[in-house]
Amino acid sequence: SLELNVFYSYITETLHYLHSQVLEKLPDLKRGLPTL
């Protein structure tokens, strides 16, 4: 469970970061891209 939680945490942070970086590049489309 420890390994799973650590790997899961890195993956969720990476997916969130990916999404936020795309939104930074496309501020005019931010409302139309609410999720990854």
ModelCIF file with pLDDT and N, C-alpha, C, O atoms, coordinates in Angstrom:
data_MODEL
#
_entry.id   MODEL 
#
_entity.id                         1 
_entity.type                       polymer 
_entity.pdbx_number_of_molecules   1 
#
_entity_poly.entity_id                      1 
_entity_poly.type                           'polypeptide(L)' 
_entity_poly.nstd_linkage                   no 
_entity_poly.nstd_monomer                   no 
_entity_poly.pdbx_seq_one_letter_code       SLELNVFYSYITETLHYLHSQVLEKLPDLKRGLPTL 
_entity_poly.pdbx_seq_one_letter_code_can   SLELNVFYSYITETLHYLHSQVLEKLPDLKRGLPTL 
_entity_poly.pdbx_strand_id                 A 
#
loop_
_entity_poly_seq.entity_id 
_entity_poly_seq.num 
_entity_poly_seq.mon_id 
_entity_poly_seq.hetero 
1 1  SER n 
1 2  LEU n 
1 3  GLU n 
1 4  LEU n 
1 5  ASN n 
1 6  VAL n 
1 7  PHE n 
1 8  TYR n 
1 9  SER n 
1 10 TYR n 
1 11 ILE n 
1 12 THR n 
1 13 GLU n 
1 14 THR n 
1 15 LEU n 
1 16 HIS n 
1 17 TYR n 
1 18 LEU n 
1 19 HIS n 
1 20 SER n 
1 21 GLN n 
1 22 VAL n 
1 23 LEU n 
1 24 GLU n 
1 25 LYS n 
1 26 LEU n 
1 27 PRO n 
1 28 ASP n 
1 29 LEU n 
1 30 LYS n 
1 31 ARG n 
1 32 GLY n 
1 33 LEU n 
1 34 PRO n 
1 35 THR n 
1 36 LEU n 
#
_struct_asym.id          A 
_struct_asym.entity_id   1 
#
loop_
_ma_qa_metric.id 
_ma_qa_metric.mode 
_ma_qa_metric.name 
_ma_qa_metric.software_group_id 
_ma_qa_metric.type 
1 global pLDDT . pLDDT 
2 local  pLDDT . pLDDT 
#
_ma_qa_metric_global.metric_id      1 
_ma_qa_metric_global.metric_value   95.39 
_ma_qa_metric_global.model_id       1 
_ma_qa_metric_global.ordinal_id     1 
#
loop_
_ma_qa_metric_local.label_asym_id 
_ma_qa_metric_local.label_comp_id 
_ma_qa_metric_local.label_seq_id 
_ma_qa_metric_local.metric_id 
_ma_qa_metric_local.metric_value 
_ma_qa_metric_local.model_id 
_ma_qa_metric_local.ordinal_id 
A SER 1  2 92.00 1 1  
A LEU 2  2 94.00 1 2  
A GLU 3  2 93.00 1 3  
A LEU 4  2 94.00 1 4  
A ASN 5  2 95.00 1 5  
A VAL 6  2 96.00 1 6  
A PHE 7  2 95.00 1 7  
A TYR 8  2 96.00 1 8  
A SER 9  2 97.00 1 9  
A TYR 10 2 97.00 1 10 
A ILE 11 2 97.00 1 11 
A THR 12 2 97.00 1 12 
A GLU 13 2 97.00 1 13 
A THR 14 2 97.00 1 14 
A LEU 15 2 97.00 1 15 
A HIS 16 2 97.00 1 16 
A TYR 17 2 97.00 1 17 
A LEU 18 2 97.00 1 18 
A HIS 19 2 97.00 1 19 
A SER 20 2 96.00 1 20 
A GLN 21 2 97.00 1 21 
A VAL 22 2 97.00 1 22 
A LEU 23 2 97.00 1 23 
A GLU 24 2 96.00 1 24 
A LYS 25 2 96.00 1 25 
A LEU 26 2 96.00 1 26 
A PRO 27 2 94.00 1 27 
A ASP 28 2 94.00 1 28 
A LEU 29 2 93.00 1 29 
A LYS 30 2 92.00 1 30 
A ARG 31 2 93.00 1 31 
A GLY 32 2 93.00 1 32 
A LEU 33 2 94.00 1 33 
A PRO 34 2 95.00 1 34 
A THR 35 2 94.00 1 35 
A LEU 36 2 95.00 1 36 
#
loop_
_atom_site.group_PDB 
_atom_site.id 
_atom_site.type_symbol 
_atom_site.label_atom_id 
_atom_site.label_alt_id 
_atom_site.label_comp_id 
_atom_site.label_asym_id 
_atom_site.label_entity_id 
_atom_site.label_seq_id 
_atom_site.pdbx_PDB_ins_code 
_atom_site.Cartn_x 
_atom_site.Cartn_y 
_atom_site.Cartn_z 
_atom_site.occupancy 
_atom_site.B_iso_or_equiv 
_atom_site.pdbx_formal_charge 
_atom_site.auth_seq_id 
_atom_site.auth_comp_id 
_atom_site.auth_asym_id 
_atom_site.auth_atom_id 
_atom_site.pdbx_PDB_model_num 
ATOM 1   N N  . SER A 1 1  ? 0.839   -1.205 0.000   1.00 92.00 ? 1  SER A N  1 
ATOM 2   C CA . SER A 1 1  ? 0.000   0.000  0.000   1.00 92.00 ? 1  SER A CA 1 
ATOM 3   C C  . SER A 1 1  ? 0.874   1.256  0.000   1.00 92.00 ? 1  SER A C  1 
ATOM 4   O O  . SER A 1 1  ? 0.504   2.266  -0.599  1.00 92.00 ? 1  SER A O  1 
ATOM 5   N N  . LEU A 1 2  ? 2.004   1.200  0.653   1.00 94.00 ? 2  LEU A N  1 
ATOM 6   C CA . LEU A 1 2  ? 2.920   2.341  0.677   1.00 94.00 ? 2  LEU A CA 1 
ATOM 7   C C  . LEU A 1 2  ? 3.441   2.644  -0.726  1.00 94.00 ? 2  LEU A C  1 
ATOM 8   O O  . LEU A 1 2  ? 3.397   3.793  -1.167  1.00 94.00 ? 2  LEU A O  1 
ATOM 9   N N  . GLU A 1 3  ? 3.930   1.633  -1.423  1.00 93.00 ? 3  GLU A N  1 
ATOM 10  C CA . GLU A 1 3  ? 4.432   1.815  -2.788  1.00 93.00 ? 3  GLU A CA 1 
ATOM 11  C C  . GLU A 1 3  ? 3.333   2.329  -3.707  1.00 93.00 ? 3  GLU A C  1 
ATOM 12  O O  . GLU A 1 3  ? 3.533   3.266  -4.479  1.00 93.00 ? 3  GLU A O  1 
ATOM 13  N N  . LEU A 1 4  ? 2.180   1.702  -3.611  1.00 94.00 ? 4  LEU A N  1 
ATOM 14  C CA . LEU A 1 4  ? 1.047   2.106  -4.444  1.00 94.00 ? 4  LEU A CA 1 
ATOM 15  C C  . LEU A 1 4  ? 0.720   3.580  -4.226  1.00 94.00 ? 4  LEU A C  1 
ATOM 16  O O  . LEU A 1 4  ? 0.533   4.321  -5.191  1.00 94.00 ? 4  LEU A O  1 
ATOM 17  N N  . ASN A 1 5  ? 0.650   4.003  -2.984  1.00 95.00 ? 5  ASN A N  1 
ATOM 18  C CA . ASN A 1 5  ? 0.294   5.389  -2.668  1.00 95.00 ? 5  ASN A CA 1 
ATOM 19  C C  . ASN A 1 5  ? 1.361   6.374  -3.142  1.00 95.00 ? 5  ASN A C  1 
ATOM 20  O O  . ASN A 1 5  ? 1.034   7.458  -3.625  1.00 95.00 ? 5  ASN A O  1 
ATOM 21  N N  . VAL A 1 6  ? 2.610   6.009  -3.009  1.00 96.00 ? 6  VAL A N  1 
ATOM 22  C CA . VAL A 1 6  ? 3.696   6.887  -3.457  1.00 96.00 ? 6  VAL A CA 1 
ATOM 23  C C  . VAL A 1 6  ? 3.682   7.015  -4.982  1.00 96.00 ? 6  VAL A C  1 
ATOM 24  O O  . VAL A 1 6  ? 3.760   8.124  -5.511  1.00 96.00 ? 6  VAL A O  1 
ATOM 25  N N  . PHE A 1 7  ? 3.583   5.892  -5.687  1.00 95.00 ? 7  PHE A N  1 
ATOM 26  C CA . PHE A 1 7  ? 3.549   5.935  -7.155  1.00 95.00 ? 7  PHE A CA 1 
ATOM 27  C C  . PHE A 1 7  ? 2.315   6.688  -7.644  1.00 95.00 ? 7  PHE A C  1 
ATOM 28  O O  . PHE A 1 7  ? 2.393   7.499  -8.568  1.00 95.00 ? 7  PHE A O  1 
ATOM 29  N N  . TYR A 1 8  ? 1.190   6.410  -7.018  1.00 96.00 ? 8  TYR A N  1 
ATOM 30  C CA . TYR A 1 8  ? -0.069  7.084  -7.368  1.00 96.00 ? 8  TYR A CA 1 
ATOM 31  C C  . TYR A 1 8  ? 0.071   8.599  -7.179  1.00 96.00 ? 8  TYR A C  1 
ATOM 32  O O  . TYR A 1 8  ? -0.405  9.375  -8.008  1.00 96.00 ? 8  TYR A O  1 
ATOM 33  N N  . SER A 1 9  ? 0.710   9.009  -6.113  1.00 97.00 ? 9  SER A N  1 
ATOM 34  C CA . SER A 1 9  ? 0.879   10.431 -5.832  1.00 97.00 ? 9  SER A CA 1 
ATOM 35  C C  . SER A 1 9  ? 1.735   11.114 -6.888  1.00 97.00 ? 9  SER A C  1 
ATOM 36  O O  . SER A 1 9  ? 1.410   12.209 -7.346  1.00 97.00 ? 9  SER A O  1 
ATOM 37  N N  . TYR A 1 10 ? 2.820   10.473 -7.269  1.00 97.00 ? 10 TYR A N  1 
ATOM 38  C CA . TYR A 1 10 ? 3.658   11.035 -8.333  1.00 97.00 ? 10 TYR A CA 1 
ATOM 39  C C  . TYR A 1 10 ? 2.883   11.116 -9.651  1.00 97.00 ? 10 TYR A C  1 
ATOM 40  O O  . TYR A 1 10 ? 2.976   12.113 -10.368 1.00 97.00 ? 10 TYR A O  1 
ATOM 41  N N  . ILE A 1 11 ? 2.139   10.093 -9.961  1.00 97.00 ? 11 ILE A N  1 
ATOM 42  C CA . ILE A 1 11 ? 1.388   10.076 -11.223 1.00 97.00 ? 11 ILE A CA 1 
ATOM 43  C C  . ILE A 1 11 ? 0.295   11.142 -11.226 1.00 97.00 ? 11 ILE A C  1 
ATOM 44  O O  . ILE A 1 11 ? 0.134   11.851 -12.220 1.00 97.00 ? 11 ILE A O  1 
ATOM 45  N N  . THR A 1 12 ? -0.452  11.267 -10.142 1.00 97.00 ? 12 THR A N  1 
ATOM 46  C CA . THR A 1 12 ? -1.511  12.279 -10.119 1.00 97.00 ? 12 THR A CA 1 
ATOM 47  C C  . THR A 1 12 ? -0.920  13.686 -10.199 1.00 97.00 ? 12 THR A C  1 
ATOM 48  O O  . THR A 1 12 ? -1.470  14.554 -10.877 1.00 97.00 ? 12 THR A O  1 
ATOM 49  N N  . GLU A 1 13 ? 0.183   13.909 -9.517  1.00 97.00 ? 13 GLU A N  1 
ATOM 50  C CA . GLU A 1 13 ? 0.827   15.225 -9.614  1.00 97.00 ? 13 GLU A CA 1 
ATOM 51  C C  . GLU A 1 13 ? 1.324   15.497 -11.028 1.00 97.00 ? 13 GLU A C  1 
ATOM 52  O O  . GLU A 1 13 ? 1.212   16.618 -11.524 1.00 97.00 ? 13 GLU A O  1 
ATOM 53  N N  . THR A 1 14 ? 1.866   14.484 -11.668 1.00 97.00 ? 14 THR A N  1 
ATOM 54  C CA . THR A 1 14 ? 2.361   14.651 -13.032 1.00 97.00 ? 14 THR A CA 1 
ATOM 55  C C  . THR A 1 14 ? 1.207   14.945 -13.992 1.00 97.00 ? 14 THR A C  1 
ATOM 56  O O  . THR A 1 14 ? 1.308   15.840 -14.831 1.00 97.00 ? 14 THR A O  1 
ATOM 57  N N  . LEU A 1 15 ? 0.122   14.200 -13.868 1.00 97.00 ? 15 LEU A N  1 
ATOM 58  C CA . LEU A 1 15 ? -1.044  14.440 -14.732 1.00 97.00 ? 15 LEU A CA 1 
ATOM 59  C C  . LEU A 1 15 ? -1.622  15.840 -14.502 1.00 97.00 ? 15 LEU A C  1 
ATOM 60  O O  . LEU A 1 15 ? -1.994  16.528 -15.452 1.00 97.00 ? 15 LEU A O  1 
ATOM 61  N N  . HIS A 1 16 ? -1.691  16.249 -13.249 1.00 97.00 ? 16 HIS A N  1 
ATOM 62  C CA . HIS A 1 16 ? -2.182  17.594 -12.933 1.00 97.00 ? 16 HIS A CA 1 
ATOM 63  C C  . HIS A 1 16 ? -1.253  18.657 -13.518 1.00 97.00 ? 16 HIS A C  1 
ATOM 64  O O  . HIS A 1 16 ? -1.711  19.647 -14.088 1.00 97.00 ? 16 HIS A O  1 
ATOM 65  N N  . TYR A 1 17 ? 0.035   18.447 -13.373 1.00 97.00 ? 17 TYR A N  1 
ATOM 66  C CA . TYR A 1 17 ? 1.018   19.390 -13.884 1.00 97.00 ? 17 TYR A CA 1 
ATOM 67  C C  . TYR A 1 17 ? 0.954   19.476 -15.414 1.00 97.00 ? 17 TYR A C  1 
ATOM 68  O O  . TYR A 1 17 ? 1.030   20.565 -15.982 1.00 97.00 ? 17 TYR A O  1 
ATOM 69  N N  . LEU A 1 18 ? 0.817   18.338 -16.065 1.00 97.00 ? 18 LEU A N  1 
ATOM 70  C CA . LEU A 1 18 ? 0.660   18.319 -17.524 1.00 97.00 ? 18 LEU A CA 1 
ATOM 71  C C  . LEU A 1 18 ? -0.520  19.193 -17.941 1.00 97.00 ? 18 LEU A C  1 
ATOM 72  O O  . LEU A 1 18 ? -0.400  20.034 -18.832 1.00 97.00 ? 18 LEU A O  1 
ATOM 73  N N  . HIS A 1 19 ? -1.658  18.980 -17.287 1.00 97.00 ? 19 HIS A N  1 
ATOM 74  C CA . HIS A 1 19 ? -2.865  19.745 -17.607 1.00 97.00 ? 19 HIS A CA 1 
ATOM 75  C C  . HIS A 1 19 ? -2.645  21.235 -17.385 1.00 97.00 ? 19 HIS A C  1 
ATOM 76  O O  . HIS A 1 19 ? -3.001  22.052 -18.235 1.00 97.00 ? 19 HIS A O  1 
ATOM 77  N N  . SER A 1 20 ? -2.063  21.588 -16.254 1.00 96.00 ? 20 SER A N  1 
ATOM 78  C CA . SER A 1 20 ? -1.864  23.015 -15.961 1.00 96.00 ? 20 SER A CA 1 
ATOM 79  C C  . SER A 1 20 ? -0.901  23.667 -16.960 1.00 96.00 ? 20 SER A C  1 
ATOM 80  O O  . SER A 1 20 ? -1.079  24.829 -17.324 1.00 96.00 ? 20 SER A O  1 
ATOM 81  N N  . GLN A 1 21 ? 0.109   22.927 -17.399 1.00 97.00 ? 21 GLN A N  1 
ATOM 82  C CA . GLN A 1 21 ? 1.059   23.470 -18.369 1.00 97.00 ? 21 GLN A CA 1 
ATOM 83  C C  . GLN A 1 21 ? 0.402   23.686 -19.733 1.00 97.00 ? 21 GLN A C  1 
ATOM 84  O O  . GLN A 1 21 ? 0.692   24.671 -20.412 1.00 97.00 ? 21 GLN A O  1 
ATOM 85  N N  . VAL A 1 22 ? -0.470  22.780 -20.130 1.00 97.00 ? 22 VAL A N  1 
ATOM 86  C CA . VAL A 1 22 ? -1.205  22.960 -21.397 1.00 97.00 ? 22 VAL A CA 1 
ATOM 87  C C  . VAL A 1 22 ? -2.104  24.191 -21.286 1.00 97.00 ? 22 VAL A C  1 
ATOM 88  O O  . VAL A 1 22 ? -2.172  24.995 -22.215 1.00 97.00 ? 22 VAL A O  1 
ATOM 89  N N  . LEU A 1 23 ? -2.788  24.339 -20.163 1.00 97.00 ? 23 LEU A N  1 
ATOM 90  C CA . LEU A 1 23 ? -3.672  25.501 -19.977 1.00 97.00 ? 23 LEU A CA 1 
ATOM 91  C C  . LEU A 1 23 ? -2.885  26.809 -19.989 1.00 97.00 ? 23 LEU A C  1 
ATOM 92  O O  . LEU A 1 23 ? -3.381  27.826 -20.473 1.00 97.00 ? 23 LEU A O  1 
ATOM 93  N N  . GLU A 1 24 ? -1.668  26.788 -19.460 1.00 96.00 ? 24 GLU A N  1 
ATOM 94  C CA . GLU A 1 24 ? -0.818  27.978 -19.489 1.00 96.00 ? 24 GLU A CA 1 
ATOM 95  C C  . GLU A 1 24 ? -0.513  28.398 -20.921 1.00 96.00 ? 24 GLU A C  1 
ATOM 96  O O  . GLU A 1 24 ? -0.413  29.588 -21.220 1.00 96.00 ? 24 GLU A O  1 
ATOM 97  N N  . LYS A 1 25 ? -0.369  27.426 -21.790 1.00 96.00 ? 25 LYS A N  1 
ATOM 98  C CA . LYS A 1 25 ? -0.072  27.713 -23.196 1.00 96.00 ? 25 LYS A CA 1 
ATOM 99  C C  . LYS A 1 25 ? -1.321  28.118 -23.980 1.00 96.00 ? 25 LYS A C  1 
ATOM 100 O O  . LYS A 1 25 ? -1.219  28.714 -25.053 1.00 96.00 ? 25 LYS A O  1 
ATOM 101 N N  . LEU A 1 26 ? -2.491  27.796 -23.445 1.00 96.00 ? 26 LEU A N  1 
ATOM 102 C CA . LEU A 1 26 ? -3.757  28.072 -24.136 1.00 96.00 ? 26 LEU A CA 1 
ATOM 103 C C  . LEU A 1 26 ? -4.749  28.796 -23.215 1.00 96.00 ? 26 LEU A C  1 
ATOM 104 O O  . LEU A 1 26 ? -5.827  28.267 -22.942 1.00 96.00 ? 26 LEU A O  1 
ATOM 105 N N  . PRO A 1 27 ? -4.403  29.986 -22.738 1.00 94.00 ? 27 PRO A N  1 
ATOM 106 C CA . PRO A 1 27 ? -5.282  30.656 -21.777 1.00 94.00 ? 27 PRO A CA 1 
ATOM 107 C C  . PRO A 1 27 ? -6.686  30.942 -22.331 1.00 94.00 ? 27 PRO A C  1 
ATOM 108 O O  . PRO A 1 27 ? -7.660  30.952 -21.579 1.00 94.00 ? 27 PRO A O  1 
ATOM 109 N N  . ASP A 1 28 ? -6.783  31.172 -23.628 1.00 94.00 ? 28 ASP A N  1 
ATOM 110 C CA . ASP A 1 28 ? -8.085  31.452 -24.225 1.00 94.00 ? 28 ASP A CA 1 
ATOM 111 C C  . ASP A 1 28 ? -8.984  30.205 -24.292 1.00 94.00 ? 28 ASP A C  1 
ATOM 112 O O  . ASP A 1 28 ? -10.197 30.336 -24.457 1.00 94.00 ? 28 ASP A O  1 
ATOM 113 N N  . LEU A 1 29 ? -8.419  29.027 -24.169 1.00 93.00 ? 29 LEU A N  1 
ATOM 114 C CA . LEU A 1 29 ? -9.206  27.787 -24.208 1.00 93.00 ? 29 LEU A CA 1 
ATOM 115 C C  . LEU A 1 29 ? -9.405  27.162 -22.822 1.00 93.00 ? 29 LEU A C  1 
ATOM 116 O O  . LEU A 1 29 ? -9.938  26.060 -22.697 1.00 93.00 ? 29 LEU A O  1 
ATOM 117 N N  . LYS A 1 30 ? -8.970  27.879 -21.792 1.00 92.00 ? 30 LYS A N  1 
ATOM 118 C CA . LYS A 1 30 ? -8.978  27.349 -20.427 1.00 92.00 ? 30 LYS A CA 1 
ATOM 119 C C  . LYS A 1 30 ? -10.355 26.822 -20.001 1.00 92.00 ? 30 LYS A C  1 
ATOM 120 O O  . LYS A 1 30 ? -10.454 25.749 -19.404 1.00 92.00 ? 30 LYS A O  1 
ATOM 121 N N  . ARG A 1 31 ? -11.395 27.565 -20.303 1.00 93.00 ? 31 ARG A N  1 
ATOM 122 C CA . ARG A 1 31 ? -12.748 27.146 -19.885 1.00 93.00 ? 31 ARG A CA 1 
ATOM 123 C C  . ARG A 1 31 ? -13.218 25.904 -20.642 1.00 93.00 ? 31 ARG A C  1 
ATOM 124 O O  . ARG A 1 31 ? -14.009 25.119 -20.117 1.00 93.00 ? 31 ARG A O  1 
ATOM 125 N N  . GLY A 1 32 ? -12.746 25.728 -21.846 1.00 93.00 ? 32 GLY A N  1 
ATOM 126 C CA . GLY A 1 32 ? -13.151 24.581 -22.653 1.00 93.00 ? 32 GLY A CA 1 
ATOM 127 C C  . GLY A 1 32 ? -12.327 23.334 -22.410 1.00 93.00 ? 32 GLY A C  1 
ATOM 128 O O  . GLY A 1 32 ? -12.596 22.279 -22.984 1.00 93.00 ? 32 GLY A O  1 
ATOM 129 N N  . LEU A 1 33 ? -11.317 23.459 -21.554 1.00 94.00 ? 33 LEU A N  1 
ATOM 130 C CA . LEU A 1 33 ? -10.455 22.312 -21.251 1.00 94.00 ? 33 LEU A CA 1 
ATOM 131 C C  . LEU A 1 33 ? -10.360 22.117 -19.737 1.00 94.00 ? 33 LEU A C  1 
ATOM 132 O O  . LEU A 1 33 ? -9.281  22.254 -19.161 1.00 94.00 ? 33 LEU A O  1 
ATOM 133 N N  . PRO A 1 34 ? -11.487 21.798 -19.090 1.00 95.00 ? 34 PRO A N  1 
ATOM 134 C CA . PRO A 1 34 ? -11.497 21.725 -17.625 1.00 95.00 ? 34 PRO A CA 1 
ATOM 135 C C  . PRO A 1 34 ? -10.714 20.548 -17.042 1.00 95.00 ? 34 PRO A C  1 
ATOM 136 O O  . PRO A 1 34 ? -10.350 20.571 -15.867 1.00 95.00 ? 34 PRO A O  1 
ATOM 137 N N  . THR A 1 35 ? -10.457 19.537 -17.840 1.00 94.00 ? 35 THR A N  1 
ATOM 138 C CA . THR A 1 35 ? -9.752  18.360 -17.338 1.00 94.00 ? 35 THR A CA 1 
ATOM 139 C C  . THR A 1 35 ? -8.695  17.908 -18.342 1.00 94.00 ? 35 THR A C  1 
ATOM 140 O O  . THR A 1 35 ? -8.711  18.307 -19.506 1.00 94.00 ? 35 THR A O  1 
ATOM 141 N N  . LEU A 1 36 ? -7.791  17.080 -17.873 1.00 95.00 ? 36 LEU A N  1 
ATOM 142 C CA . LEU A 1 36 ? -6.797  16.499 -18.776 1.00 95.00 ? 36 LEU A CA 1 
ATOM 143 C C  . LEU A 1 36 ? -7.493  15.612 -19.811 1.00 95.00 ? 36 LEU A C  1 
ATOM 144 O O  . LEU A 1 36 ? -6.831  15.026 -20.668 1.00 95.00 ? 36 LEU A O  1 
#
